[in-house]
Structures are given as structure tokens and as C-alpha cells.
Amino acid sequence: MAISSSIAGTAVHVGDLIRLHLKVMESGKERTQIFEGLVIGIRGRGENRTFTVRKIAAGGIGVERIFPVNSPWISKVDVKKHGTVRRAKLHYVRGQSARRVARITQTVSK
């Protein structure tokens, strides 16, 4: 069970609040789309390594996306906050309120 990984040259840990800059192709044009959320899990080894990011979209609906670590569509990763967690997988946040999930990133690890 991986608790950290290097994504686009940035060290990312489970529990971090990250901002992903994704390349999106629409009608022959390329643009950047931002997906910001909490890393709730990292799994796999080598080229098959993936990570799951969960965000709360409009209307309070939770959206989870699974990204390959070596994806060519990820252009940049910004770590907004480091979270302190004691688990490798944070699937328990699916049933919690946004306020309780925000506590994960309140305590900033050094």
C-alpha cells in the first residue's frame, strides 16, 4: 500500500489537497482544465500506479477521478495543503460531511 508517490515531478501523499492541471482536447484545440481535491488513495506499482482524487462539486456532490501517475494529460501538480492521516486509503471520507473531511488538511505536517 503506497502512501506517497511522485506525480509530474511533485511529491504527493495520501491526505494532500492537490490541484491538477489537465490537458483536455476539445474540437481539435487543447486547453487546461483544473481538478482540485483530496488524494484518498494511491495503488499499484510501476507503470500501473494510479491515484484517486475526490472533490466536492456544485450542489455538494462528491466526484472521484482515478488518474495514472504517468499520465501524459497531467501537465502540472500543485500541493495546496499537506494532510496528516494514519491510513493509506481514505475511503471512509465518502460518508463524511465536508467539514469533517476538511479537518484532514487543517493540521499541516512538516
C-alpha atoms as a PDB file:
ATOM      1  CA  MET A   1       0.000   0.000   0.000  1.00  0.00           C
ATOM      2  CA  ALA A   2       1.588   3.207  -1.163  1.00  0.00           C
ATOM      3  CA  ILE A   3       1.146   6.331   0.879  1.00  0.00           C
ATOM      4  CA  SER A   4       3.181   8.657  -1.365  1.00  0.00           C
ATOM      5  CA  SER A   5       4.227   8.980  -4.983  1.00  0.00           C
ATOM      6  CA  SER A   6       5.897  11.404  -7.364  1.00  0.00           C
ATOM      7  CA  ILE A   7       3.438  12.838  -9.876  1.00  0.00           C
ATOM      8  CA  ALA A   8       4.740  15.155 -12.617  1.00  0.00           C
ATOM      9  CA  GLY A   9       7.854  15.782 -10.520  1.00  0.00           C
ATOM     10  CA  THR A  10       5.918  16.665  -7.345  1.00  0.00           C
ATOM     11  CA  ALA A  11       5.805  14.507  -4.213  1.00  0.00           C
ATOM     12  CA  VAL A  12       2.171  13.761  -3.339  1.00  0.00           C
ATOM     13  CA  HIS A  13       0.944  11.933  -0.219  1.00  0.00           C
ATOM     14  CA  VAL A  14      -2.420  10.483   0.732  1.00  0.00           C
ATOM     15  CA  GLY A  15      -4.390  13.203   2.523  1.00  0.00           C
ATOM     16  CA  ASP A  16      -2.926  16.084   0.494  1.00  0.00           C
ATOM     17  CA  LEU A  17      -5.162  18.690  -1.091  1.00  0.00           C
ATOM     18  CA  ILE A  18      -3.858  18.977  -4.644  1.00  0.00           C
ATOM     19  CA  ARG A  19      -4.621  20.968  -7.760  1.00  0.00           C
ATOM     20  CA  LEU A  20      -4.169  19.073 -11.037  1.00  0.00           C
ATOM     21  CA  HIS A  21      -3.705  20.894 -14.336  1.00  0.00           C
ATOM     22  CA  LEU A  22      -5.042  18.559 -17.024  1.00  0.00           C
ATOM     23  CA  LYS A  23      -4.678  18.885 -20.786  1.00  0.00           C
ATOM     24  CA  VAL A  24      -8.073  18.470 -22.463  1.00  0.00           C
ATOM     25  CA  MET A  25      -8.647  18.179 -26.219  1.00  0.00           C
ATOM     26  CA  GLU A  26     -11.905  19.696 -27.443  1.00  0.00           C
ATOM     27  CA  SER A  27     -12.727  20.102 -31.131  1.00  0.00           C
ATOM     28  CA  GLY A  28      -9.075  19.954 -32.141  1.00  0.00           C
ATOM     29  CA  LYS A  29      -7.946  22.529 -29.580  1.00  0.00           C
ATOM     30  CA  GLU A  30      -6.055  21.881 -26.384  1.00  0.00           C
ATOM     31  CA  ARG A  31      -6.914  23.667 -23.159  1.00  0.00           C
ATOM     32  CA  THR A  32      -6.062  23.290 -19.475  1.00  0.00           C
ATOM     33  CA  GLN A  33      -8.689  22.096 -17.020  1.00  0.00           C
ATOM     34  CA  ILE A  34      -8.136  22.247 -13.257  1.00  0.00           C
ATOM     35  CA  PHE A  35      -9.275  19.464 -10.929  1.00  0.00           C
ATOM     36  CA  GLU A  36      -8.768  20.216  -7.243  1.00  0.00           C
ATOM     37  CA  GLY A  37      -9.404  17.706  -4.490  1.00  0.00           C
ATOM     38  CA  LEU A  38      -8.181  15.386  -1.757  1.00  0.00           C
ATOM     39  CA  VAL A  39      -5.920  12.414  -2.547  1.00  0.00           C
ATOM     40  CA  ILE A  40      -7.770   9.464  -0.996  1.00  0.00           C
ATOM     41  CA  GLY A  41      -5.587   6.623  -2.252  1.00  0.00           C
ATOM     42  CA  ILE A  42      -2.561   5.524  -4.246  1.00  0.00           C
ATOM     43  CA  ARG A  43      -2.364   1.994  -5.604  1.00  0.00           C
ATOM     44  CA  GLY A  44      -0.342  -0.170  -7.981  1.00  0.00           C
ATOM     45  CA  ARG A  45       3.322  -0.421  -8.900  1.00  0.00           C
ATOM     46  CA  GLY A  46       5.481   0.867 -11.707  1.00  0.00           C
ATOM     47  CA  GLU A  47       3.605   1.932 -14.810  1.00  0.00           C
ATOM     48  CA  ASN A  48       0.294   0.706 -13.402  1.00  0.00           C
ATOM     49  CA  ARG A  49       0.365   3.085 -10.404  1.00  0.00           C
ATOM     50  CA  THR A  50      -2.784   5.194 -10.062  1.00  0.00           C
ATOM     51  CA  PHE A  51      -4.120   7.686  -7.561  1.00  0.00           C
ATOM     52  CA  THR A  52      -7.663   8.729  -6.678  1.00  0.00           C
ATOM     53  CA  VAL A  53      -8.680  12.349  -6.114  1.00  0.00           C
ATOM     54  CA  ARG A  54     -12.029  13.331  -4.578  1.00  0.00           C
ATOM     55  CA  LYS A  55     -13.615  16.768  -4.760  1.00  0.00           C
ATOM     56  CA  ILE A  56     -16.973  18.196  -3.791  1.00  0.00           C
ATOM     57  CA  ALA A  57     -18.649  19.618  -6.897  1.00  0.00           C
ATOM     58  CA  ALA A  58     -21.548  22.036  -7.206  1.00  0.00           C
ATOM     59  CA  GLY A  59     -24.570  21.022  -5.181  1.00  0.00           C
ATOM     60  CA  GLY A  60     -22.464  19.097  -2.670  1.00  0.00           C
ATOM     61  CA  ILE A  61     -21.990  16.099  -4.943  1.00  0.00           C
ATOM     62  CA  GLY A  62     -18.751  14.173  -4.477  1.00  0.00           C
ATOM     63  CA  VAL A  63     -16.721  13.497  -7.624  1.00  0.00           C
ATOM     64  CA  GLU A  64     -13.856  10.992  -7.690  1.00  0.00           C
ATOM     65  CA  ARG A  65     -11.414  10.568 -10.547  1.00  0.00           C
ATOM     66  CA  ILE A  66      -8.703   7.965 -10.926  1.00  0.00           C
ATOM     67  CA  PHE A  67      -5.550   9.130 -12.713  1.00  0.00           C
ATOM     68  CA  PRO A  68      -2.492   7.154 -13.820  1.00  0.00           C
ATOM     69  CA  VAL A  69       0.656   8.564 -12.209  1.00  0.00           C
ATOM     70  CA  ASN A  70       2.483   8.608 -15.565  1.00  0.00           C
ATOM     71  CA  SER A  71      -0.406  10.168 -17.493  1.00  0.00           C
ATOM     72  CA  PRO A  72       0.634  12.493 -20.337  1.00  0.00           C
ATOM     73  CA  TRP A  73      -2.521  14.536 -19.699  1.00  0.00           C
ATOM     74  CA  ILE A  74      -1.269  15.783 -16.316  1.00  0.00           C
ATOM     75  CA  SER A  75       0.797  18.872 -17.049  1.00  0.00           C
ATOM     76  CA  LYS A  76       1.293  20.222 -13.526  1.00  0.00           C
ATOM     77  CA  VAL A  77       0.502  19.323  -9.907  1.00  0.00           C
ATOM     78  CA  ASP A  78       0.270  21.875  -7.092  1.00  0.00           C
ATOM     79  CA  VAL A  79       0.084  20.690  -3.489  1.00  0.00           C
ATOM     80  CA  LYS A  80      -2.109  23.254  -1.745  1.00  0.00           C
ATOM     81  CA  LYS A  81      -2.092  21.660   1.729  1.00  0.00           C
ATOM     82  CA  HIS A  82      -0.420  18.651   3.296  1.00  0.00           C
ATOM     83  CA  GLY A  83      -2.716  16.465   5.339  1.00  0.00           C
ATOM     84  CA  THR A  84      -1.914  14.289   8.320  1.00  0.00           C
ATOM     85  CA  VAL A  85      -3.522  10.852   8.063  1.00  0.00           C
ATOM     86  CA  ARG A  86      -2.961   7.442   9.622  1.00  0.00           C
ATOM     87  CA  ARG A  87      -4.366   5.389   6.777  1.00  0.00           C
ATOM     88  CA  ALA A  88      -3.166   4.503   3.285  1.00  0.00           C
ATOM     89  CA  LYS A  89      -6.707   4.605   1.873  1.00  0.00           C
ATOM     90  CA  LEU A  90      -9.204   7.280   2.889  1.00  0.00           C
ATOM     91  CA  HIS A  91     -12.374   5.660   1.548  1.00  0.00           C
ATOM     92  CA  TYR A  92     -14.118   6.486   4.813  1.00  0.00           C
ATOM     93  CA  VAL A  93     -14.378  10.158   3.759  1.00  0.00           C
ATOM     94  CA  ARG A  94     -17.109   9.226   1.271  1.00  0.00           C
ATOM     95  CA  GLY A  95     -19.674   9.083   4.056  1.00  0.00           C
ATOM     96  CA  GLN A  96     -18.495  12.131   5.976  1.00  0.00           C
ATOM     97  CA  SER A  97     -19.505  15.759   5.753  1.00  0.00           C
ATOM     98  CA  ALA A  98     -17.260  18.330   4.089  1.00  0.00           C
ATOM     99  CA  ARG A  99     -16.495  19.904   7.451  1.00  0.00           C
ATOM    100  CA  ARG A 100     -15.118  16.640   8.874  1.00  0.00           C
ATOM    101  CA  VAL A 101     -13.086  15.986   5.736  1.00  0.00           C
ATOM    102  CA  ALA A 102     -11.591  19.490   5.931  1.00  0.00           C
ATOM    103  CA  ARG A 103     -10.051  18.529   9.291  1.00  0.00           C
ATOM    104  CA  ILE A 104      -7.598  16.247   7.492  1.00  0.00           C
ATOM    105  CA  THR A 105      -5.813  19.167   5.857  1.00  0.00           C
ATOM    106  CA  GLN A 106      -6.138  21.605   8.769  1.00  0.00           C
ATOM    107  CA  THR A 107      -3.174  20.143  10.615  1.00  0.00           C
ATOM    108  CA  VAL A 108      -0.186  20.929   8.443  1.00  0.00           C
ATOM    109  CA  SER A 109       2.588  18.349   8.611  1.00  0.00           C
ATOM    110  CA  LYS A 110       6.209  19.486   8.475  1.00  0.00           C
END
